[in-house]
N, C-alpha and C. Protein backbone atom coordinates (compact mmCIF):
# COMPACT_ATOMS: atom_id res chain seq x y z
N MET A 1 124.14 148.99 139.18
CA MET A 1 123.46 148.23 138.14
C MET A 1 122.78 147.02 138.77
N GLU A 2 121.66 146.62 138.16
CA GLU A 2 120.92 145.48 138.68
C GLU A 2 121.14 144.25 137.79
N TYR A 3 121.08 143.08 138.43
CA TYR A 3 121.30 141.82 137.74
C TYR A 3 120.28 140.80 138.24
N LEU A 4 119.78 139.99 137.32
CA LEU A 4 118.97 138.83 137.69
C LEU A 4 119.90 137.63 137.68
N VAL A 5 119.93 136.89 138.78
CA VAL A 5 120.82 135.73 138.89
C VAL A 5 119.97 134.49 139.16
N SER A 6 120.11 133.50 138.29
CA SER A 6 119.48 132.20 138.50
C SER A 6 120.53 131.30 139.14
N MET A 7 120.25 130.86 140.37
CA MET A 7 121.21 130.11 141.17
C MET A 7 120.71 128.68 141.37
N THR A 8 121.43 127.72 140.81
CA THR A 8 121.05 126.31 140.92
C THR A 8 122.09 125.58 141.76
N THR A 9 121.64 124.96 142.84
CA THR A 9 122.53 124.29 143.78
C THR A 9 122.48 122.78 143.57
N HIS A 10 123.66 122.16 143.50
CA HIS A 10 123.79 120.71 143.40
C HIS A 10 124.70 120.25 144.54
N VAL A 11 124.11 119.66 145.56
CA VAL A 11 124.90 119.17 146.69
C VAL A 11 125.55 117.84 146.28
N PRO A 12 126.86 117.72 146.43
CA PRO A 12 127.53 116.46 146.02
C PRO A 12 126.99 115.25 146.77
N ASP A 13 126.87 114.15 146.06
CA ASP A 13 126.41 112.90 146.68
C ASP A 13 127.32 112.56 147.86
N GLY A 14 126.71 112.08 148.92
CA GLY A 14 127.48 111.67 150.09
C GLY A 14 127.75 112.79 151.08
N THR A 15 127.31 114.02 150.78
CA THR A 15 127.51 115.12 151.73
C THR A 15 126.63 114.89 152.94
N PRO A 16 127.22 114.91 154.15
CA PRO A 16 126.41 114.68 155.36
C PRO A 16 125.34 115.75 155.53
N PRO A 17 124.14 115.37 155.97
CA PRO A 17 123.06 116.35 156.16
C PRO A 17 123.45 117.51 157.07
N GLU A 18 124.28 117.22 158.10
CA GLU A 18 124.67 118.30 159.02
C GLU A 18 125.56 119.33 158.30
N ALA A 19 126.33 118.89 157.31
CA ALA A 19 127.14 119.82 156.53
C ALA A 19 126.25 120.71 155.66
N VAL A 20 125.21 120.12 155.09
CA VAL A 20 124.26 120.90 154.29
C VAL A 20 123.56 121.92 155.17
N ASP A 21 123.12 121.48 156.36
CA ASP A 21 122.44 122.39 157.28
C ASP A 21 123.35 123.55 157.69
N ASP A 22 124.63 123.26 157.91
CA ASP A 22 125.59 124.30 158.30
C ASP A 22 125.75 125.33 157.19
N VAL A 23 125.91 124.86 155.95
CA VAL A 23 126.08 125.79 154.83
C VAL A 23 124.81 126.62 154.63
N ARG A 24 123.67 125.98 154.75
CA ARG A 24 122.40 126.72 154.58
C ARG A 24 122.25 127.79 155.65
N ALA A 25 122.62 127.49 156.88
CA ALA A 25 122.51 128.47 157.96
C ALA A 25 123.45 129.64 157.71
N ARG A 26 124.69 129.35 157.28
CA ARG A 26 125.64 130.42 156.99
C ARG A 26 125.18 131.25 155.79
N GLU A 27 124.56 130.57 154.80
CA GLU A 27 124.03 131.28 153.63
C GLU A 27 122.94 132.26 154.03
N ALA A 28 122.02 131.82 154.89
CA ALA A 28 120.93 132.70 155.33
C ALA A 28 121.48 133.91 156.08
N ALA A 29 122.46 133.68 156.95
CA ALA A 29 123.05 134.80 157.72
C ALA A 29 123.77 135.77 156.79
N HIS A 30 124.52 135.23 155.83
CA HIS A 30 125.27 136.11 154.93
C HIS A 30 124.33 136.84 153.97
N THR A 31 123.23 136.20 153.60
CA THR A 31 122.24 136.85 152.75
C THR A 31 121.68 138.09 153.44
N ARG A 32 121.42 137.98 154.73
CA ARG A 32 120.93 139.16 155.48
C ARG A 32 121.97 140.27 155.46
N GLU A 33 123.24 139.93 155.57
CA GLU A 33 124.31 140.93 155.52
C GLU A 33 124.36 141.60 154.15
N LEU A 34 124.28 140.79 153.09
CA LEU A 34 124.33 141.34 151.73
C LEU A 34 123.11 142.21 151.44
N ALA A 35 121.97 141.83 152.00
CA ALA A 35 120.77 142.66 151.83
C ALA A 35 120.95 144.00 152.54
N ALA A 36 121.50 143.97 153.74
CA ALA A 36 121.74 145.21 154.49
C ALA A 36 122.71 146.12 153.76
N GLU A 37 123.65 145.52 153.02
CA GLU A 37 124.63 146.30 152.24
C GLU A 37 124.06 146.77 150.91
N GLY A 38 122.85 146.33 150.57
CA GLY A 38 122.21 146.75 149.32
C GLY A 38 122.57 145.92 148.11
N HIS A 39 123.18 144.74 148.32
CA HIS A 39 123.56 143.89 147.19
C HIS A 39 122.44 142.93 146.79
N ILE A 40 121.74 142.37 147.76
CA ILE A 40 120.61 141.49 147.45
C ILE A 40 119.33 142.29 147.67
N LEU A 41 118.58 142.48 146.58
CA LEU A 41 117.35 143.26 146.65
C LEU A 41 116.12 142.39 146.84
N ARG A 42 116.07 141.25 146.14
CA ARG A 42 114.94 140.33 146.24
C ARG A 42 115.43 138.91 145.97
N LEU A 43 114.68 137.92 146.50
CA LEU A 43 114.91 136.50 146.23
C LEU A 43 113.55 135.83 146.03
N TRP A 44 113.50 134.90 145.08
CA TRP A 44 112.26 134.15 144.81
C TRP A 44 112.60 132.70 144.52
N ARG A 45 111.58 131.85 144.63
CA ARG A 45 111.67 130.48 144.17
C ARG A 45 110.84 130.38 142.87
N PRO A 46 111.44 129.92 141.78
CA PRO A 46 110.66 129.65 140.57
C PRO A 46 110.01 128.27 140.69
N PRO A 47 109.18 127.87 139.74
CA PRO A 47 108.67 126.49 139.76
C PRO A 47 109.84 125.50 139.74
N LEU A 48 109.77 124.48 140.59
CA LEU A 48 110.88 123.53 140.73
C LEU A 48 110.43 122.11 140.40
N ARG A 49 111.33 121.36 139.79
CA ARG A 49 111.10 119.93 139.59
C ARG A 49 111.46 119.20 140.89
N PRO A 50 110.97 117.98 141.10
CA PRO A 50 111.31 117.25 142.32
C PRO A 50 112.83 117.16 142.51
N GLY A 51 113.29 117.51 143.69
CA GLY A 51 114.71 117.44 144.01
C GLY A 51 115.52 118.63 143.53
N GLU A 52 114.90 119.56 142.80
CA GLU A 52 115.65 120.71 142.28
C GLU A 52 115.76 121.79 143.36
N TRP A 53 116.91 122.46 143.40
CA TRP A 53 117.19 123.51 144.38
C TRP A 53 117.64 124.73 143.58
N ARG A 54 116.70 125.67 143.35
CA ARG A 54 117.01 126.82 142.52
C ARG A 54 116.39 128.07 143.10
N THR A 55 117.08 129.18 142.97
CA THR A 55 116.64 130.47 143.46
C THR A 55 116.88 131.52 142.38
N LEU A 56 115.95 132.46 142.27
CA LEU A 56 116.15 133.63 141.43
C LEU A 56 116.41 134.82 142.34
N GLY A 57 117.44 135.59 142.02
CA GLY A 57 117.78 136.73 142.87
C GLY A 57 117.96 138.00 142.06
N LEU A 58 117.48 139.11 142.62
CA LEU A 58 117.73 140.43 142.05
C LEU A 58 118.86 141.05 142.87
N PHE A 59 119.99 141.29 142.21
CA PHE A 59 121.18 141.81 142.87
C PHE A 59 121.51 143.20 142.35
N ALA A 60 122.19 143.97 143.18
CA ALA A 60 122.73 145.27 142.77
C ALA A 60 124.23 145.25 142.99
N ALA A 61 124.97 145.73 142.00
CA ALA A 61 126.44 145.78 142.10
C ALA A 61 126.94 146.87 141.18
N ALA A 62 128.14 147.36 141.45
CA ALA A 62 128.72 148.42 140.64
C ALA A 62 128.95 147.97 139.21
N ASP A 63 129.37 146.71 139.04
CA ASP A 63 129.64 146.15 137.72
C ASP A 63 129.71 144.63 137.84
N ALA A 64 130.00 143.96 136.73
CA ALA A 64 130.03 142.50 136.72
C ALA A 64 131.09 141.94 137.66
N ASP A 65 132.25 142.61 137.75
CA ASP A 65 133.30 142.13 138.65
C ASP A 65 132.85 142.22 140.11
N ASP A 66 132.21 143.31 140.45
CA ASP A 66 131.70 143.50 141.81
C ASP A 66 130.66 142.42 142.13
N LEU A 67 129.77 142.15 141.17
CA LEU A 67 128.77 141.11 141.38
C LEU A 67 129.44 139.75 141.57
N GLY A 68 130.48 139.47 140.79
CA GLY A 68 131.19 138.21 140.92
C GLY A 68 131.74 138.01 142.33
N LYS A 69 132.26 139.08 142.92
CA LYS A 69 132.77 139.00 144.30
C LYS A 69 131.65 138.74 145.28
N VAL A 70 130.50 139.39 145.06
CA VAL A 70 129.35 139.18 145.95
C VAL A 70 128.89 137.73 145.88
N LEU A 71 128.74 137.20 144.68
CA LEU A 71 128.28 135.81 144.53
C LEU A 71 129.29 134.83 145.12
N ALA A 72 130.58 135.09 144.90
CA ALA A 72 131.62 134.19 145.42
C ALA A 72 131.66 134.19 146.94
N SER A 73 131.17 135.27 147.56
CA SER A 73 131.20 135.35 149.02
C SER A 73 130.10 134.54 149.70
N MET A 74 129.15 134.05 148.91
CA MET A 74 128.00 133.34 149.49
C MET A 74 128.39 131.88 149.76
N PRO A 75 128.12 131.37 150.96
CA PRO A 75 128.55 130.01 151.32
C PRO A 75 128.07 128.92 150.36
N LEU A 76 126.87 129.05 149.80
CA LEU A 76 126.37 128.02 148.89
C LEU A 76 127.07 128.05 147.53
N HIS A 77 127.88 129.05 147.29
CA HIS A 77 128.54 129.19 145.99
C HIS A 77 129.39 127.95 145.66
N VAL A 78 129.89 127.25 146.68
CA VAL A 78 130.74 126.06 146.43
C VAL A 78 129.96 124.95 145.73
N TRP A 79 128.63 124.96 145.85
CA TRP A 79 127.80 123.92 145.25
C TRP A 79 126.89 124.47 144.14
N ARG A 80 127.08 125.71 143.77
CA ARG A 80 126.09 126.39 142.96
C ARG A 80 126.61 126.76 141.57
N ALA A 81 125.71 126.74 140.61
CA ALA A 81 125.99 127.28 139.27
C ALA A 81 125.10 128.50 139.10
N ASP A 82 125.70 129.64 138.77
CA ASP A 82 124.95 130.90 138.64
C ASP A 82 124.89 131.33 137.18
N VAL A 83 123.72 131.75 136.76
CA VAL A 83 123.53 132.34 135.43
C VAL A 83 123.12 133.79 135.65
N VAL A 84 123.94 134.71 135.16
CA VAL A 84 123.74 136.14 135.42
C VAL A 84 123.19 136.82 134.17
N THR A 85 122.13 137.61 134.36
CA THR A 85 121.55 138.41 133.28
C THR A 85 121.60 139.88 133.70
N PRO A 86 122.37 140.71 132.99
CA PRO A 86 122.38 142.13 133.33
C PRO A 86 121.05 142.78 132.94
N LEU A 87 120.59 143.68 133.78
CA LEU A 87 119.32 144.37 133.56
C LEU A 87 119.56 145.87 133.41
N ARG A 88 118.86 146.47 132.48
CA ARG A 88 118.89 147.93 132.35
C ARG A 88 117.51 148.47 132.68
N ARG A 89 117.50 149.61 133.31
CA ARG A 89 116.21 150.21 133.68
C ARG A 89 115.40 150.51 132.43
N HIS A 90 114.14 150.09 132.44
CA HIS A 90 113.22 150.35 131.34
C HIS A 90 112.64 151.75 131.52
N PRO A 91 112.43 152.50 130.44
CA PRO A 91 111.87 153.84 130.61
C PRO A 91 110.48 153.85 131.24
N ASN A 92 109.75 152.73 131.18
CA ASN A 92 108.43 152.65 131.80
C ASN A 92 108.45 152.00 133.19
N ASP A 93 109.63 151.80 133.76
CA ASP A 93 109.75 151.13 135.07
C ASP A 93 109.06 151.95 136.14
N PRO A 94 108.02 151.38 136.81
CA PRO A 94 107.36 152.13 137.89
C PRO A 94 108.13 152.10 139.20
N ASP A 95 109.08 151.13 139.33
CA ASP A 95 109.89 150.98 140.55
C ASP A 95 108.99 151.04 141.78
N GLY A 96 108.00 150.14 141.80
CA GLY A 96 107.00 150.17 142.87
C GLY A 96 107.06 148.98 143.81
N GLU A 97 106.21 149.05 144.79
CA GLU A 97 106.01 147.97 145.75
C GLU A 97 104.56 147.49 145.61
N PRO A 98 104.32 146.20 145.88
CA PRO A 98 102.93 145.73 145.75
C PRO A 98 102.02 146.42 146.75
N THR A 99 100.87 146.88 146.26
CA THR A 99 99.87 147.47 147.15
C THR A 99 98.68 146.53 147.30
N THR A 100 98.74 145.42 146.59
CA THR A 100 97.71 144.40 146.69
C THR A 100 98.39 143.10 147.10
N THR A 101 97.60 142.15 147.58
CA THR A 101 98.16 140.85 147.92
C THR A 101 97.98 139.92 146.73
N GLY A 102 98.88 138.99 146.60
CA GLY A 102 98.78 138.06 145.50
C GLY A 102 100.12 137.40 145.24
N THR A 103 100.18 136.73 144.12
CA THR A 103 101.39 136.05 143.69
C THR A 103 102.21 136.98 142.81
N GLU A 104 103.53 136.89 142.93
CA GLU A 104 104.39 137.64 142.03
C GLU A 104 104.73 136.77 140.82
N TYR A 105 104.91 137.43 139.69
CA TYR A 105 105.21 136.75 138.42
C TYR A 105 106.29 137.53 137.69
N PHE A 106 107.15 136.80 136.99
CA PHE A 106 108.03 137.42 136.01
C PHE A 106 107.38 137.24 134.64
N THR A 107 107.50 138.25 133.81
CA THR A 107 107.12 138.12 132.40
C THR A 107 108.31 138.55 131.55
N VAL A 108 108.65 137.72 130.59
CA VAL A 108 109.67 138.09 129.62
C VAL A 108 108.93 138.46 128.33
N PHE A 109 109.03 139.73 127.96
CA PHE A 109 108.39 140.23 126.75
C PHE A 109 109.38 140.18 125.60
N THR A 110 108.94 139.64 124.48
CA THR A 110 109.75 139.63 123.26
C THR A 110 108.94 140.30 122.16
N ARG A 111 109.48 141.38 121.63
CA ARG A 111 108.77 142.14 120.60
C ARG A 111 108.77 141.36 119.30
N THR A 112 107.59 141.17 118.72
CA THR A 112 107.44 140.46 117.45
C THR A 112 106.44 141.24 116.59
N VAL A 113 106.90 142.31 115.99
CA VAL A 113 106.04 143.14 115.16
C VAL A 113 105.87 142.47 113.80
N PRO A 114 104.62 142.18 113.41
CA PRO A 114 104.41 141.53 112.11
C PRO A 114 104.95 142.38 110.96
N GLU A 115 105.49 141.71 109.98
CA GLU A 115 106.02 142.41 108.81
C GLU A 115 104.90 143.20 108.14
N GLY A 116 105.21 144.41 107.74
CA GLY A 116 104.22 145.26 107.09
C GLY A 116 103.45 146.15 108.02
N THR A 117 103.67 146.01 109.35
CA THR A 117 102.99 146.88 110.31
C THR A 117 103.53 148.29 110.16
N PRO A 118 102.64 149.29 110.02
CA PRO A 118 103.12 150.67 109.89
C PRO A 118 103.89 151.11 111.14
N THR A 119 105.02 151.76 110.92
CA THR A 119 105.84 152.23 112.04
C THR A 119 105.04 153.16 112.94
N ASP A 120 104.19 154.00 112.35
CA ASP A 120 103.39 154.95 113.14
C ASP A 120 102.50 154.22 114.14
N ALA A 121 101.98 153.05 113.75
CA ALA A 121 101.10 152.30 114.65
C ALA A 121 101.87 151.79 115.86
N VAL A 122 103.10 151.32 115.63
CA VAL A 122 103.92 150.83 116.74
C VAL A 122 104.33 151.99 117.65
N VAL A 123 104.73 153.11 117.08
CA VAL A 123 105.13 154.27 117.88
C VAL A 123 103.96 154.77 118.72
N ALA A 124 102.77 154.80 118.14
CA ALA A 124 101.59 155.23 118.89
C ALA A 124 101.31 154.27 120.04
N ALA A 125 101.45 152.97 119.78
CA ALA A 125 101.23 151.97 120.83
C ALA A 125 102.26 152.11 121.94
N GLU A 126 103.50 152.44 121.59
CA GLU A 126 104.54 152.65 122.61
C GLU A 126 104.17 153.80 123.53
N GLY A 127 103.61 154.87 122.96
CA GLY A 127 103.19 156.00 123.78
C GLY A 127 102.08 155.62 124.74
N ARG A 128 101.10 154.87 124.24
CA ARG A 128 100.00 154.42 125.10
C ARG A 128 100.49 153.41 126.14
N GLU A 129 101.49 152.61 125.74
CA GLU A 129 102.07 151.62 126.66
C GLU A 129 102.69 152.30 127.88
N ALA A 130 103.38 153.42 127.66
CA ALA A 130 104.01 154.14 128.78
C ALA A 130 102.95 154.62 129.77
N VAL A 131 101.82 155.11 129.24
CA VAL A 131 100.73 155.57 130.11
C VAL A 131 100.13 154.40 130.88
N ARG A 132 99.89 153.28 130.18
CA ARG A 132 99.28 152.12 130.83
C ARG A 132 100.21 151.52 131.88
N ALA A 133 101.51 151.47 131.58
CA ALA A 133 102.46 150.95 132.57
C ALA A 133 102.44 151.80 133.83
N LYS A 134 102.34 153.10 133.67
CA LYS A 134 102.28 153.99 134.84
C LYS A 134 101.01 153.71 135.65
N GLU A 135 99.89 153.50 134.96
CA GLU A 135 98.64 153.19 135.66
C GLU A 135 98.75 151.88 136.42
N LEU A 136 99.26 150.84 135.77
CA LEU A 136 99.39 149.54 136.42
C LEU A 136 100.39 149.59 137.57
N GLY A 137 101.42 150.42 137.44
CA GLY A 137 102.36 150.60 138.55
C GLY A 137 101.70 151.28 139.73
N ALA A 138 100.91 152.31 139.48
CA ALA A 138 100.23 153.03 140.55
C ALA A 138 99.21 152.14 141.27
N GLN A 139 98.66 151.17 140.54
CA GLN A 139 97.69 150.25 141.13
C GLN A 139 98.36 149.09 141.86
N GLY A 140 99.70 149.00 141.78
CA GLY A 140 100.42 147.94 142.48
C GLY A 140 100.45 146.62 141.74
N HIS A 141 100.13 146.62 140.44
CA HIS A 141 100.14 145.38 139.66
C HIS A 141 101.49 145.18 138.96
N LEU A 142 101.99 146.21 138.31
CA LEU A 142 103.30 146.16 137.67
C LEU A 142 104.29 146.78 138.64
N LEU A 143 105.21 145.94 139.15
CA LEU A 143 106.13 146.41 140.19
C LEU A 143 107.43 146.94 139.62
N ARG A 144 108.00 146.24 138.65
CA ARG A 144 109.27 146.65 138.05
C ARG A 144 109.27 146.27 136.58
N LEU A 145 110.10 146.97 135.81
CA LEU A 145 110.26 146.68 134.39
C LEU A 145 111.70 147.00 134.01
N TRP A 146 112.37 146.02 133.37
CA TRP A 146 113.76 146.17 132.96
C TRP A 146 113.91 145.83 131.48
N MET A 147 114.96 146.37 130.86
CA MET A 147 115.37 145.95 129.52
C MET A 147 116.32 144.77 129.68
N LEU A 148 116.11 143.74 128.85
CA LEU A 148 116.98 142.57 128.83
C LEU A 148 117.95 142.68 127.65
N PRO A 149 119.07 141.96 127.73
CA PRO A 149 119.96 141.93 126.58
C PRO A 149 119.22 141.40 125.34
N GLY A 150 119.55 141.93 124.19
CA GLY A 150 118.90 141.51 122.95
C GLY A 150 117.88 142.54 122.51
N GLU A 151 117.58 142.52 121.25
CA GLU A 151 116.65 143.49 120.67
C GLU A 151 115.21 143.21 121.08
N GLY A 152 114.52 144.24 121.58
CA GLY A 152 113.09 144.14 121.85
C GLY A 152 112.71 143.18 122.95
N ARG A 153 113.55 143.04 124.00
CA ARG A 153 113.23 142.13 125.10
C ARG A 153 113.16 142.91 126.41
N ALA A 154 112.19 142.56 127.25
CA ALA A 154 112.02 143.22 128.54
C ALA A 154 111.57 142.20 129.58
N LEU A 155 111.86 142.51 130.84
CA LEU A 155 111.47 141.67 131.98
C LEU A 155 110.56 142.48 132.89
N GLY A 156 109.40 141.93 133.21
CA GLY A 156 108.48 142.60 134.11
C GLY A 156 108.26 141.79 135.38
N LEU A 157 108.09 142.48 136.50
CA LEU A 157 107.72 141.85 137.77
C LEU A 157 106.32 142.34 138.12
N TRP A 158 105.41 141.40 138.29
CA TRP A 158 104.00 141.72 138.49
C TRP A 158 103.47 141.12 139.79
N CYS A 159 102.36 141.63 140.27
CA CYS A 159 101.63 141.05 141.39
C CYS A 159 100.17 140.91 140.96
N ALA A 160 99.63 139.68 141.06
CA ALA A 160 98.24 139.43 140.68
C ALA A 160 97.69 138.33 141.58
N LYS A 161 96.37 138.30 141.72
CA LYS A 161 95.77 137.29 142.60
C LYS A 161 95.84 135.89 141.99
N ASP A 162 95.88 135.82 140.65
CA ASP A 162 95.96 134.53 139.98
C ASP A 162 96.38 134.74 138.53
N PRO A 163 96.69 133.66 137.79
CA PRO A 163 97.12 133.83 136.40
C PRO A 163 96.10 134.52 135.51
N ALA A 164 94.81 134.31 135.78
CA ALA A 164 93.77 134.95 134.96
C ALA A 164 93.82 136.46 135.12
N GLU A 165 94.01 136.93 136.36
CA GLU A 165 94.08 138.38 136.57
C GLU A 165 95.33 138.94 135.89
N LEU A 166 96.45 138.23 136.02
CA LEU A 166 97.67 138.68 135.35
C LEU A 166 97.44 138.80 133.85
N GLN A 167 96.79 137.81 133.26
CA GLN A 167 96.54 137.85 131.81
C GLN A 167 95.70 139.05 131.43
N THR A 168 94.77 139.44 132.32
CA THR A 168 93.96 140.64 132.06
C THR A 168 94.85 141.87 131.95
N TRP A 169 95.83 141.97 132.87
CA TRP A 169 96.74 143.13 132.82
C TRP A 169 97.60 143.07 131.57
N LEU A 170 98.08 141.89 131.21
CA LEU A 170 98.93 141.76 130.02
C LEU A 170 98.15 142.10 128.74
N ASP A 171 96.90 141.64 128.69
CA ASP A 171 96.08 141.92 127.51
C ASP A 171 95.75 143.41 127.39
N SER A 172 95.78 144.13 128.52
CA SER A 172 95.45 145.55 128.49
C SER A 172 96.60 146.43 128.00
N LEU A 173 97.78 145.82 127.81
CA LEU A 173 98.94 146.60 127.34
C LEU A 173 98.78 146.91 125.85
N PRO A 174 98.90 148.17 125.47
CA PRO A 174 98.75 148.53 124.05
C PRO A 174 99.73 147.82 123.12
N LEU A 175 100.89 147.39 123.64
CA LEU A 175 101.85 146.68 122.80
C LEU A 175 101.59 145.18 122.74
N SER A 176 100.55 144.69 123.40
CA SER A 176 100.32 143.24 123.44
C SER A 176 100.18 142.61 122.06
N PRO A 177 99.63 143.31 121.04
CA PRO A 177 99.59 142.67 119.71
C PRO A 177 100.97 142.48 119.08
N TYR A 178 101.96 143.19 119.63
CA TYR A 178 103.30 143.19 119.02
C TYR A 178 104.35 142.49 119.88
N GLN A 179 103.91 141.83 120.95
CA GLN A 179 104.90 141.17 121.79
C GLN A 179 104.34 139.89 122.40
N LYS A 180 105.23 138.94 122.61
CA LYS A 180 104.89 137.67 123.26
C LYS A 180 105.35 137.77 124.71
N ALA A 181 104.55 137.26 125.64
CA ALA A 181 104.90 137.30 127.05
C ALA A 181 105.02 135.88 127.59
N ASP A 182 106.21 135.52 128.08
CA ASP A 182 106.42 134.24 128.77
C ASP A 182 106.34 134.50 130.27
N VAL A 183 105.49 133.75 130.95
CA VAL A 183 105.18 134.01 132.36
C VAL A 183 105.80 132.95 133.26
N THR A 184 106.43 133.39 134.35
CA THR A 184 106.97 132.49 135.37
C THR A 184 106.37 132.87 136.71
N PRO A 185 105.55 131.99 137.33
CA PRO A 185 105.05 132.27 138.68
C PRO A 185 106.18 132.14 139.70
N LEU A 186 106.15 132.98 140.70
CA LEU A 186 107.19 133.00 141.72
C LEU A 186 106.58 132.72 143.08
N THR A 187 107.33 132.04 143.94
CA THR A 187 106.90 131.85 145.32
C THR A 187 107.92 132.49 146.25
N GLU A 188 107.50 132.72 147.48
CA GLU A 188 108.37 133.40 148.44
C GLU A 188 109.60 132.58 148.76
N HIS A 189 110.70 133.29 148.93
CA HIS A 189 111.95 132.68 149.41
C HIS A 189 112.10 133.09 150.87
N PRO A 190 112.48 132.16 151.77
CA PRO A 190 112.56 132.51 153.19
C PRO A 190 113.57 133.61 153.50
N SER A 191 114.55 133.83 152.63
CA SER A 191 115.56 134.88 152.88
C SER A 191 115.32 136.14 152.06
N ASP A 192 114.14 136.26 151.44
CA ASP A 192 113.85 137.44 150.62
C ASP A 192 113.86 138.70 151.49
N PRO A 193 114.68 139.69 151.15
CA PRO A 193 114.72 140.93 151.95
C PRO A 193 113.36 141.61 152.05
N ALA A 194 112.49 141.43 151.05
CA ALA A 194 111.17 142.06 151.11
C ALA A 194 110.34 141.49 152.25
N MET A 195 110.53 140.21 152.57
CA MET A 195 109.80 139.61 153.69
C MET A 195 110.23 140.26 155.00
N ALA A 196 111.52 140.52 155.13
CA ALA A 196 112.03 141.16 156.35
C ALA A 196 111.46 142.57 156.48
N ARG A 197 111.33 143.29 155.35
CA ARG A 197 110.78 144.65 155.41
C ARG A 197 109.32 144.64 155.80
N ARG A 198 108.59 143.59 155.35
CA ARG A 198 107.17 143.50 155.71
C ARG A 198 106.99 143.11 157.16
């Protein structure tokens, strides 16, 4: 099973810089080990406020207990607060790799069908959505798609040259009239396993 983990680190006041450097070095080494074992699939940096230390990670584990052991094994865990979101594979997930260069983005889709909308119209849009998601996946724009906890919520991972291009892809989705998309731009994390593969 896959999990999205938001990891926020708070180094205690008065911690010597050499202690921070030591933990960071051990964290990077252990991250490579966890990636080799298939537990850490991706790492990103979300937009950060000054002084904030936060990472988003895509993890794989047998279950929540297994994930807990993986997270507890990471050296930075002593200073970190983790928020775990379980992910379920979306039926339209292209499970792809970027074939274009650009910035990666997360989109959280929340279904908001206006009252009185005919069910047939939504069902027809869902069918067209599956076709469009496959097209965008084949083009390297839509990389992954997961179901989030809660009714009508999904998480997408995209690659686009800029926010305007991403919006073009989002507007092209047949379900766009029935869902709101919250966008988070992502930047590279130095320990992202995808960087090592590239």
